[in-house]
Each structure stands twice: as structure tokens, then as C-alpha cells.
Amino acid sequence: MNYSENVWRFLVENRHMKNEFERGSQRVFRFPNGFGASVVKRVFSGGLDGTYGATEGRYELAVLAFSSEDSRGLTYETPITNDVLGWLTPDEVEAHLQAIANLWVV
């Protein structure tokens, strides 16, 4: 997936999984406002479901809140979503990442 330069420069983790149990990727973004996102596409072997929409080539996105340099967790209390977003196209992922980057910290 290609991201705009505005988003790509905030990539802090880029993992690829390919083994007998799973294949896919996870990218973690951290923005200056203390929020970030985990963007995942993962398919499991043996007929197990993967991330929402992965078998159709779609992505799953979760909003993260960073409390320190090394500590982060999912947050469900943003205007972006109160859950994980699934079945996203690359353009939809980009739009959500831009929205997360523009969140205000209260």
C-alpha cells in the first residue's frame, strides 16, 4: 500500500508475517498529537478468519493512543471510531490516517 508523504513519515513499525500459520502485514503509525493507528492485513491458514476483509484484499485499522515512547494501546474514544474499522480500501485507510493525524488533544 502506498501512502502520501504526509502519512508515511509517521510510520514507526513495519512488520511482515509469512509462515505456515499466517501471512500478512502490520504497519503502526504515530502522529505528533499522541494518536496513531495500526493498519493490518492478515490471513490465517487452516480456514481461520483473518483480519476484517483481508481475504478480499482489504485492510483493518485501529486507532491507537500513545502514553509514552514505548507504551500504546487501542482507544475507542475518538470521533474516528468506537471500534476497529474493517474492509477498508487503501484510499479509505489513507483518509482515516489523515483524520487521526488531525485529531486535537484536549
Protein backbone atom coordinates (compact mmCIF):
# COMPACT_ATOMS: atom_id res chain seq x y z
CA MET A 1 0.00 0.00 0.00
CA ASN A 2 1.31 3.42 -0.88
CA TYR A 3 0.75 6.32 1.49
CA SER A 4 1.19 10.01 0.92
CA GLU A 5 4.36 11.61 2.27
CA ASN A 6 2.25 13.34 4.94
CA VAL A 7 1.37 9.95 6.44
CA TRP A 8 4.37 7.79 5.50
CA ARG A 9 6.82 9.86 7.55
CA PHE A 10 4.96 8.85 10.74
CA LEU A 11 5.44 5.11 10.20
CA VAL A 12 7.16 3.67 13.31
CA GLU A 13 6.76 -0.06 12.77
CA ASN A 14 6.50 -2.20 9.63
CA ARG A 15 6.09 -5.95 10.14
CA HIS A 16 5.54 -8.70 7.60
CA MET A 17 4.37 -12.16 8.57
CA LYS A 18 4.77 -15.15 6.32
CA ASN A 19 4.90 -18.58 7.89
CA GLU A 20 2.86 -21.78 7.98
CA PHE A 21 0.21 -20.18 10.22
CA GLU A 22 -0.27 -16.69 8.81
CA ARG A 23 0.68 -14.23 6.13
CA GLY A 24 0.20 -10.51 6.05
CA SER A 25 1.46 -7.19 7.34
CA GLN A 26 1.05 -4.65 10.12
CA ARG A 27 2.05 -1.02 9.96
CA VAL A 28 1.96 1.21 13.01
CA PHE A 29 1.81 4.99 12.70
CA ARG A 30 2.43 7.56 15.44
CA PHE A 31 1.43 11.17 14.96
CA PRO A 32 2.67 14.22 16.93
CA ASN A 33 -0.76 14.60 18.61
CA GLY A 34 -0.23 11.36 20.59
CA PHE A 35 -2.57 9.30 18.46
CA GLY A 36 -1.68 6.70 15.90
CA ALA A 37 -3.02 3.71 14.06
CA SER A 38 -2.39 0.06 13.46
CA VAL A 39 -3.15 -0.96 9.88
CA VAL A 40 -3.30 -4.72 9.42
CA LYS A 41 -3.99 -7.23 6.69
CA ARG A 42 -3.51 -10.78 7.96
CA VAL A 43 -4.81 -14.12 6.66
CA PHE A 44 -4.52 -17.28 8.74
CA SER A 45 -4.09 -20.79 7.34
CA GLY A 46 -6.38 -23.70 8.02
CA GLY A 47 -9.58 -21.83 7.22
CA LEU A 48 -9.36 -19.47 10.19
CA ASP A 49 -10.61 -15.94 9.67
CA GLY A 50 -8.02 -13.22 9.45
CA THR A 51 -8.46 -9.50 9.85
CA TYR A 52 -11.70 -7.96 8.62
CA GLY A 53 -11.63 -8.03 4.82
CA ALA A 54 -8.13 -9.50 4.38
CA THR A 55 -9.29 -12.33 2.14
CA GLU A 56 -10.75 -9.67 -0.19
CA GLY A 57 -7.51 -7.64 -0.15
CA ARG A 58 -8.88 -5.08 2.30
CA TYR A 59 -7.35 -3.62 5.47
CA GLU A 60 -8.29 -3.29 9.13
CA LEU A 61 -7.48 -0.13 11.10
CA ALA A 62 -7.46 0.52 14.84
CA VAL A 63 -6.86 3.90 16.46
CA LEU A 64 -4.01 3.94 18.98
CA ALA A 65 -3.26 6.28 21.87
CA PHE A 66 0.39 6.63 22.92
CA SER A 67 1.02 7.32 26.61
CA SER A 68 4.82 7.26 26.32
CA GLU A 69 7.55 6.49 23.82
CA ASP A 70 7.10 2.75 24.25
CA SER A 71 3.53 2.45 25.51
CA ARG A 72 0.47 2.40 23.31
CA GLY A 73 -2.98 0.91 23.35
CA LEU A 74 -6.18 0.80 21.37
CA THR A 75 -8.57 3.65 22.00
CA TYR A 76 -12.26 3.56 21.24
CA GLU A 77 -12.99 7.12 22.32
CA THR A 78 -12.27 9.24 19.26
CA PRO A 79 -14.52 10.78 16.61
CA ILE A 80 -12.87 8.39 14.12
CA THR A 81 -14.48 5.24 15.50
CA ASN A 82 -15.54 3.45 18.67
CA ASP A 83 -14.33 0.11 17.27
CA VAL A 84 -11.90 -1.39 14.80
CA LEU A 85 -12.61 -0.44 11.18
CA GLY A 86 -12.51 -3.29 8.68
CA TRP A 87 -12.87 -3.95 4.96
CA LEU A 88 -11.06 -0.68 4.10
CA THR A 89 -9.61 0.15 0.70
CA PRO A 90 -6.17 1.79 0.53
CA ASP A 91 -7.84 5.18 -0.13
CA GLU A 92 -10.09 4.75 2.90
CA VAL A 93 -7.10 3.85 5.07
CA GLU A 94 -5.29 6.99 3.90
CA ALA A 95 -8.34 9.16 4.69
CA HIS A 96 -8.64 7.70 8.20
CA LEU A 97 -4.91 8.15 8.85
CA GLN A 98 -5.18 11.81 7.84
CA ALA A 99 -8.18 12.24 10.16
CA ILE A 100 -6.29 10.63 13.06
CA ALA A 101 -3.29 12.89 12.43
CA ASN A 102 -5.63 15.89 12.65
CA LEU A 103 -7.26 14.94 15.98
CA TRP A 104 -6.97 17.55 18.70
CA VAL A 105 -5.70 16.62 22.12
CA VAL A 106 -7.94 18.05 24.84
